[in-house]
N, C-alpha and C. Protein backbone atom coordinates (compact mmCIF):
# COMPACT_ATOMS: atom_id res chain seq x y z
N UNK A 1 -3.89 -8.82 -16.46
CA UNK A 1 -3.82 -8.25 -15.17
C UNK A 1 -4.06 -6.75 -15.29
N UNK A 2 -4.80 -6.15 -14.37
CA UNK A 2 -5.00 -4.76 -14.49
C UNK A 2 -3.83 -3.95 -13.87
N UNK A 3 -3.83 -2.68 -14.09
CA UNK A 3 -2.73 -1.86 -13.55
C UNK A 3 -3.29 -0.85 -12.55
N UNK A 4 -4.42 -1.25 -11.92
CA UNK A 4 -5.09 -0.40 -10.94
C UNK A 4 -4.46 -0.54 -9.57
N UNK A 5 -4.04 0.55 -8.96
CA UNK A 5 -3.55 0.53 -7.61
C UNK A 5 -4.43 1.29 -6.72
N UNK A 6 -4.64 0.84 -5.47
CA UNK A 6 -5.39 1.57 -4.48
C UNK A 6 -4.42 2.16 -3.48
N UNK A 7 -4.48 3.43 -3.25
CA UNK A 7 -3.66 4.05 -2.19
C UNK A 7 -4.66 4.44 -1.10
N UNK A 8 -4.31 4.00 0.12
CA UNK A 8 -5.10 4.39 1.30
C UNK A 8 -4.19 5.30 2.13
N UNK A 9 -4.42 6.58 2.01
CA UNK A 9 -3.54 7.64 2.54
C UNK A 9 -4.38 8.88 2.92
N UNK A 10 -4.18 9.38 4.09
CA UNK A 10 -4.94 10.50 4.55
C UNK A 10 -4.18 11.85 4.35
N UNK A 11 -2.94 11.82 4.04
CA UNK A 11 -2.15 13.04 3.86
C UNK A 11 -2.21 13.40 2.39
N UNK A 12 -2.76 14.56 2.07
CA UNK A 12 -2.93 14.96 0.62
C UNK A 12 -1.62 15.13 -0.12
N UNK A 13 -0.54 15.58 0.54
CA UNK A 13 0.71 15.77 -0.12
C UNK A 13 1.36 14.40 -0.45
N UNK A 14 1.27 13.49 0.51
CA UNK A 14 1.79 12.13 0.22
C UNK A 14 1.04 11.43 -0.92
N UNK A 15 -0.27 11.56 -0.84
CA UNK A 15 -1.14 11.01 -1.88
C UNK A 15 -0.80 11.64 -3.27
N UNK A 16 -0.69 12.94 -3.29
CA UNK A 16 -0.41 13.62 -4.56
C UNK A 16 0.92 13.10 -5.14
N UNK A 17 1.99 12.98 -4.37
CA UNK A 17 3.30 12.53 -4.87
C UNK A 17 3.20 11.09 -5.38
N UNK A 18 2.63 10.20 -4.59
CA UNK A 18 2.54 8.80 -5.02
C UNK A 18 1.69 8.67 -6.28
N UNK A 19 0.52 9.37 -6.30
CA UNK A 19 -0.31 9.34 -7.49
C UNK A 19 0.38 9.85 -8.70
N UNK A 20 1.06 11.00 -8.57
CA UNK A 20 1.80 11.54 -9.71
C UNK A 20 2.84 10.59 -10.23
N UNK A 21 3.64 10.03 -9.38
CA UNK A 21 4.70 9.11 -9.86
C UNK A 21 4.10 7.87 -10.54
N UNK A 22 3.10 7.28 -9.89
CA UNK A 22 2.53 6.07 -10.44
C UNK A 22 1.77 6.30 -11.75
N UNK A 23 0.99 7.36 -11.83
CA UNK A 23 0.25 7.67 -13.06
C UNK A 23 1.22 8.00 -14.23
N UNK A 24 2.32 8.65 -13.87
CA UNK A 24 3.38 9.02 -14.86
C UNK A 24 3.90 7.74 -15.48
N UNK A 25 3.88 6.62 -14.75
CA UNK A 25 4.40 5.33 -15.25
C UNK A 25 3.28 4.37 -15.67
N UNK A 26 2.13 4.91 -15.97
CA UNK A 26 1.11 4.09 -16.57
C UNK A 26 0.13 3.40 -15.64
N UNK A 27 0.24 3.66 -14.41
CA UNK A 27 -0.72 3.00 -13.46
C UNK A 27 -1.98 3.83 -13.29
N UNK A 28 -3.06 3.15 -13.04
CA UNK A 28 -4.37 3.79 -12.71
C UNK A 28 -4.47 3.80 -11.22
N UNK A 29 -4.68 5.01 -10.64
CA UNK A 29 -4.66 5.10 -9.19
C UNK A 29 -6.08 5.49 -8.67
N UNK A 30 -6.51 4.72 -7.63
CA UNK A 30 -7.77 5.04 -6.95
C UNK A 30 -7.33 5.35 -5.52
N UNK A 31 -7.95 6.24 -4.83
CA UNK A 31 -7.54 6.60 -3.48
C UNK A 31 -8.67 6.62 -2.47
N UNK A 32 -8.32 6.32 -1.25
CA UNK A 32 -9.22 6.45 -0.11
C UNK A 32 -8.47 7.17 1.00
N UNK A 33 -9.23 8.01 1.74
CA UNK A 33 -8.58 8.84 2.75
C UNK A 33 -8.68 8.36 4.13
N UNK A 34 -9.29 7.20 4.37
CA UNK A 34 -9.29 6.60 5.71
C UNK A 34 -9.37 5.12 5.56
N UNK A 35 -9.21 4.42 6.67
CA UNK A 35 -9.16 2.96 6.66
C UNK A 35 -10.47 2.31 6.26
N UNK A 36 -11.56 2.77 6.81
CA UNK A 36 -12.86 2.19 6.48
C UNK A 36 -13.19 2.34 5.00
N UNK A 37 -12.95 3.56 4.45
CA UNK A 37 -13.18 3.81 3.06
C UNK A 37 -12.22 3.00 2.20
N UNK A 38 -11.00 2.74 2.68
CA UNK A 38 -10.03 1.94 1.99
C UNK A 38 -10.49 0.53 1.81
N UNK A 39 -11.00 -0.07 2.87
CA UNK A 39 -11.49 -1.47 2.82
C UNK A 39 -12.67 -1.53 1.83
N UNK A 40 -13.60 -0.58 1.89
CA UNK A 40 -14.71 -0.55 1.00
C UNK A 40 -14.30 -0.37 -0.48
N UNK A 41 -13.30 0.48 -0.68
CA UNK A 41 -12.84 0.72 -2.05
C UNK A 41 -12.15 -0.50 -2.59
N UNK A 42 -11.39 -1.18 -1.76
CA UNK A 42 -10.66 -2.42 -2.18
C UNK A 42 -11.66 -3.48 -2.64
N UNK A 43 -12.79 -3.59 -1.95
CA UNK A 43 -13.81 -4.54 -2.30
C UNK A 43 -14.50 -4.17 -3.64
N UNK A 44 -14.55 -2.91 -3.92
CA UNK A 44 -15.23 -2.42 -5.15
C UNK A 44 -14.28 -2.42 -6.39
N UNK A 45 -13.05 -2.08 -6.21
CA UNK A 45 -12.21 -1.75 -7.40
C UNK A 45 -11.28 -2.88 -7.86
N UNK A 46 -11.17 -3.95 -7.08
CA UNK A 46 -10.32 -5.11 -7.44
C UNK A 46 -8.89 -4.60 -7.85
N UNK A 47 -8.12 -4.03 -6.91
CA UNK A 47 -6.81 -3.52 -7.20
C UNK A 47 -5.76 -4.53 -7.46
N UNK A 48 -4.75 -4.26 -8.23
CA UNK A 48 -3.64 -5.08 -8.42
C UNK A 48 -2.72 -5.08 -7.22
N UNK A 49 -2.70 -3.97 -6.49
CA UNK A 49 -1.96 -3.83 -5.28
C UNK A 49 -2.58 -2.73 -4.46
N UNK A 50 -2.26 -2.72 -3.12
CA UNK A 50 -2.78 -1.73 -2.20
C UNK A 50 -1.58 -1.11 -1.50
N UNK A 51 -1.50 0.21 -1.56
CA UNK A 51 -0.48 0.99 -0.84
C UNK A 51 -1.17 1.57 0.40
N UNK A 52 -0.62 1.23 1.56
CA UNK A 52 -1.37 1.51 2.77
C UNK A 52 -0.54 2.27 3.79
N UNK A 53 -1.07 3.43 4.19
CA UNK A 53 -0.52 4.12 5.34
C UNK A 53 -0.91 3.36 6.57
N UNK A 54 -0.12 3.51 7.66
CA UNK A 54 -0.45 2.88 8.89
C UNK A 54 -1.34 3.75 9.80
N UNK A 55 -0.93 5.02 9.90
CA UNK A 55 -1.67 5.97 10.75
C UNK A 55 -2.80 6.59 9.92
N UNK A 56 -3.97 6.00 10.07
CA UNK A 56 -5.17 6.46 9.33
C UNK A 56 -6.30 6.70 10.28
N UNK A 57 -7.21 7.65 9.85
CA UNK A 57 -8.40 7.84 10.65
C UNK A 57 -9.41 6.68 10.44
N UNK A 58 -10.25 6.53 11.43
CA UNK A 58 -11.34 5.54 11.48
C UNK A 58 -10.92 4.09 11.65
N UNK A 59 -9.89 3.71 10.95
CA UNK A 59 -9.33 2.34 11.00
C UNK A 59 -7.91 2.36 10.65
N UNK A 60 -6.99 1.98 11.52
CA UNK A 60 -5.60 2.13 11.21
C UNK A 60 -5.14 1.02 10.21
N UNK A 61 -3.94 1.21 9.71
CA UNK A 61 -3.40 0.33 8.69
C UNK A 61 -3.33 -1.15 9.14
N UNK A 62 -3.01 -1.35 10.43
CA UNK A 62 -2.94 -2.73 10.91
C UNK A 62 -4.30 -3.40 10.75
N UNK A 63 -5.31 -2.72 11.19
CA UNK A 63 -6.71 -3.27 11.07
C UNK A 63 -7.12 -3.46 9.61
N UNK A 64 -6.71 -2.48 8.75
CA UNK A 64 -7.07 -2.60 7.30
C UNK A 64 -6.40 -3.84 6.71
N UNK A 65 -5.13 -4.03 6.96
CA UNK A 65 -4.37 -5.16 6.43
C UNK A 65 -5.01 -6.52 6.92
N UNK A 66 -5.30 -6.53 8.20
CA UNK A 66 -5.88 -7.75 8.75
C UNK A 66 -7.28 -8.03 8.21
N UNK A 67 -8.08 -6.98 8.02
CA UNK A 67 -9.44 -7.17 7.43
C UNK A 67 -9.40 -7.66 5.99
N UNK A 68 -8.41 -7.13 5.23
CA UNK A 68 -8.29 -7.56 3.86
C UNK A 68 -7.76 -8.94 3.75
N UNK A 69 -6.83 -9.32 4.56
CA UNK A 69 -6.27 -10.66 4.52
C UNK A 69 -7.27 -11.77 4.97
N UNK A 70 -8.30 -11.37 5.62
CA UNK A 70 -9.34 -12.38 5.98
C UNK A 70 -10.24 -12.79 4.76
N UNK A 71 -10.04 -12.07 3.66
CA UNK A 71 -10.85 -12.27 2.45
C UNK A 71 -9.95 -13.00 1.41
N UNK A 72 -10.32 -14.21 1.06
CA UNK A 72 -9.46 -14.94 0.09
C UNK A 72 -9.18 -14.20 -1.28
N UNK A 73 -10.06 -13.35 -1.64
CA UNK A 73 -9.85 -12.64 -2.89
C UNK A 73 -8.60 -11.76 -2.86
N UNK A 74 -8.09 -11.42 -1.68
CA UNK A 74 -6.90 -10.62 -1.61
C UNK A 74 -5.63 -11.42 -1.28
N UNK A 75 -5.74 -12.78 -1.36
CA UNK A 75 -4.56 -13.62 -1.04
C UNK A 75 -3.35 -13.27 -1.97
N UNK A 76 -3.59 -13.06 -3.19
CA UNK A 76 -2.45 -12.75 -4.11
C UNK A 76 -2.20 -11.29 -4.36
N UNK A 77 -2.86 -10.41 -3.59
CA UNK A 77 -2.74 -8.95 -3.83
C UNK A 77 -1.70 -8.41 -2.83
N UNK A 78 -0.63 -7.81 -3.38
CA UNK A 78 0.34 -7.21 -2.45
C UNK A 78 -0.33 -6.01 -1.67
N UNK A 79 -0.10 -6.02 -0.39
CA UNK A 79 -0.46 -4.86 0.44
C UNK A 79 0.89 -4.29 0.92
N UNK A 80 1.19 -3.12 0.45
CA UNK A 80 2.45 -2.50 0.74
C UNK A 80 2.28 -1.34 1.68
N UNK A 81 2.82 -1.45 2.89
CA UNK A 81 2.74 -0.38 3.86
C UNK A 81 3.73 0.72 3.41
N UNK A 82 3.19 1.90 3.25
CA UNK A 82 4.03 3.11 2.93
C UNK A 82 3.82 4.05 4.09
N UNK A 83 4.78 4.03 4.99
CA UNK A 83 4.60 4.69 6.29
C UNK A 83 5.84 5.32 6.87
N UNK A 84 5.56 6.25 7.74
CA UNK A 84 6.68 6.92 8.45
C UNK A 84 6.99 6.16 9.74
N UNK A 85 6.18 5.10 10.05
CA UNK A 85 6.52 4.30 11.26
C UNK A 85 7.80 3.53 11.02
N UNK A 86 8.87 3.95 11.65
CA UNK A 86 10.19 3.43 11.37
C UNK A 86 10.93 3.02 12.67
N UNK A 87 10.19 2.90 13.72
CA UNK A 87 10.83 2.49 14.99
C UNK A 87 11.05 0.96 14.95
N UNK A 88 11.90 0.50 15.89
CA UNK A 88 12.13 -0.89 16.01
C UNK A 88 10.86 -1.64 16.24
N UNK A 89 10.58 -2.65 15.41
CA UNK A 89 9.39 -3.47 15.51
C UNK A 89 8.20 -2.97 14.68
N UNK A 90 8.21 -1.78 14.21
CA UNK A 90 7.09 -1.29 13.37
C UNK A 90 6.97 -2.08 12.10
N UNK A 91 8.03 -2.34 11.43
CA UNK A 91 7.95 -3.13 10.19
C UNK A 91 7.38 -4.51 10.44
N UNK A 92 7.90 -5.16 11.47
CA UNK A 92 7.45 -6.51 11.83
C UNK A 92 5.96 -6.52 12.14
N UNK A 93 5.53 -5.50 12.84
CA UNK A 93 4.09 -5.43 13.27
C UNK A 93 3.18 -5.26 12.06
N UNK A 94 3.48 -4.47 11.07
CA UNK A 94 2.60 -4.32 9.94
C UNK A 94 2.66 -5.56 9.01
N UNK A 95 3.86 -6.22 8.97
CA UNK A 95 3.90 -7.44 8.18
C UNK A 95 3.11 -8.58 8.92
N UNK A 96 3.17 -8.59 10.20
CA UNK A 96 2.36 -9.61 10.92
C UNK A 96 0.86 -9.37 10.76
N UNK A 97 0.44 -8.13 10.53
CA UNK A 97 -0.93 -7.80 10.37
C UNK A 97 -1.43 -8.22 9.01
N UNK A 98 -0.53 -8.44 8.07
CA UNK A 98 -0.94 -8.93 6.73
C UNK A 98 -0.30 -8.18 5.55
N UNK A 99 0.50 -7.15 5.84
CA UNK A 99 1.17 -6.49 4.71
C UNK A 99 2.20 -7.38 4.08
N UNK A 100 2.36 -7.21 2.77
CA UNK A 100 3.40 -7.96 2.03
C UNK A 100 4.74 -7.35 2.17
N UNK A 101 4.78 -6.01 2.25
CA UNK A 101 6.02 -5.32 2.33
C UNK A 101 5.91 -3.97 2.97
N UNK A 102 7.02 -3.22 2.96
CA UNK A 102 7.10 -1.97 3.78
C UNK A 102 8.04 -1.04 3.04
N UNK A 103 7.59 0.17 2.85
CA UNK A 103 8.38 1.26 2.28
C UNK A 103 8.26 2.44 3.23
N UNK A 104 9.45 2.97 3.60
CA UNK A 104 9.47 4.07 4.55
C UNK A 104 9.19 5.35 3.86
N UNK A 105 8.50 6.25 4.57
CA UNK A 105 8.32 7.63 4.15
C UNK A 105 9.40 8.46 4.85
N UNK A 106 9.87 9.54 4.22
CA UNK A 106 9.40 10.00 2.92
C UNK A 106 9.89 9.06 1.80
N UNK A 107 9.05 8.89 0.78
CA UNK A 107 9.43 7.98 -0.26
C UNK A 107 10.55 8.60 -1.08
N UNK A 108 11.26 7.80 -1.79
CA UNK A 108 12.30 8.31 -2.72
C UNK A 108 11.69 8.30 -4.10
N UNK A 109 11.39 9.49 -4.68
CA UNK A 109 10.82 9.57 -5.99
C UNK A 109 11.59 8.81 -7.04
N UNK A 110 12.89 8.69 -6.89
CA UNK A 110 13.69 8.03 -7.91
C UNK A 110 13.58 6.53 -7.88
N UNK A 111 13.17 5.94 -6.78
CA UNK A 111 13.10 4.47 -6.69
C UNK A 111 11.69 3.95 -6.38
N UNK A 112 10.77 4.81 -6.07
CA UNK A 112 9.42 4.37 -5.60
C UNK A 112 8.71 3.47 -6.59
N UNK A 113 8.65 3.85 -7.83
CA UNK A 113 7.90 3.09 -8.82
C UNK A 113 8.56 1.71 -9.06
N UNK A 114 9.86 1.70 -9.08
CA UNK A 114 10.57 0.44 -9.27
C UNK A 114 10.34 -0.50 -8.06
N UNK A 115 10.22 0.05 -6.84
CA UNK A 115 9.91 -0.76 -5.67
C UNK A 115 8.52 -1.33 -5.84
N UNK A 116 7.53 -0.56 -6.24
CA UNK A 116 6.16 -1.03 -6.39
C UNK A 116 6.15 -2.15 -7.47
N UNK A 117 6.85 -1.95 -8.56
CA UNK A 117 6.91 -2.96 -9.66
C UNK A 117 7.48 -4.25 -9.16
N UNK A 118 8.48 -4.20 -8.31
CA UNK A 118 9.05 -5.42 -7.76
C UNK A 118 8.03 -6.22 -6.96
N UNK A 119 7.24 -5.51 -6.17
CA UNK A 119 6.14 -6.18 -5.42
C UNK A 119 5.16 -6.82 -6.38
N UNK A 120 4.81 -6.11 -7.44
CA UNK A 120 3.83 -6.60 -8.42
C UNK A 120 4.36 -7.87 -9.13
N UNK A 121 5.65 -7.91 -9.35
CA UNK A 121 6.25 -9.07 -10.08
C UNK A 121 6.51 -10.22 -9.16
N UNK A 122 6.39 -9.98 -7.83
CA UNK A 122 6.70 -11.08 -6.87
C UNK A 122 8.16 -11.13 -6.56
N UNK A 123 8.97 -10.25 -7.08
CA UNK A 123 10.43 -10.22 -6.85
C UNK A 123 10.76 -9.31 -5.69
N UNK A 124 10.41 -9.72 -4.48
CA UNK A 124 10.55 -8.86 -3.32
C UNK A 124 11.86 -8.98 -2.57
N UNK A 125 12.71 -9.87 -2.96
CA UNK A 125 13.91 -10.02 -2.15
C UNK A 125 14.78 -8.77 -2.30
N UNK A 126 14.75 -8.05 -3.42
CA UNK A 126 15.53 -6.80 -3.50
C UNK A 126 14.84 -5.67 -2.80
N UNK A 127 13.59 -5.75 -2.53
CA UNK A 127 12.88 -4.65 -1.80
C UNK A 127 13.13 -4.79 -0.31
N UNK A 128 13.12 -6.02 0.17
CA UNK A 128 13.19 -6.20 1.63
C UNK A 128 14.63 -6.31 2.19
N UNK A 129 15.57 -5.85 1.50
CA UNK A 129 16.97 -5.89 2.00
C UNK A 129 17.09 -5.12 3.29
């Protein structure tokens, strides 16, 4: 199994922090700055997981998750929403669109990589508490 992660994030500071933490722990990170580019990159790079912002230019995270879930090759790929959308119902809406899980921004640098690893291992019950 590869260790390649795709981050679809338009905020450079958020992208920098996630990339820094993940690369420090041995992951290879590929990034896209909007939803359309994210879908195209996912089709090209065969990621182990996709970290997805919800509020994106060109194609929002809901549409990205739904588009990827229509393709059988992404059936076993975790799509993890990493978003500041934290109102009642936001989590349920992105999960209904096809995301595997949800991490609120701002991310916690002390726990972020461990959360991603739990999704990769399939052990999500501790993440979704």
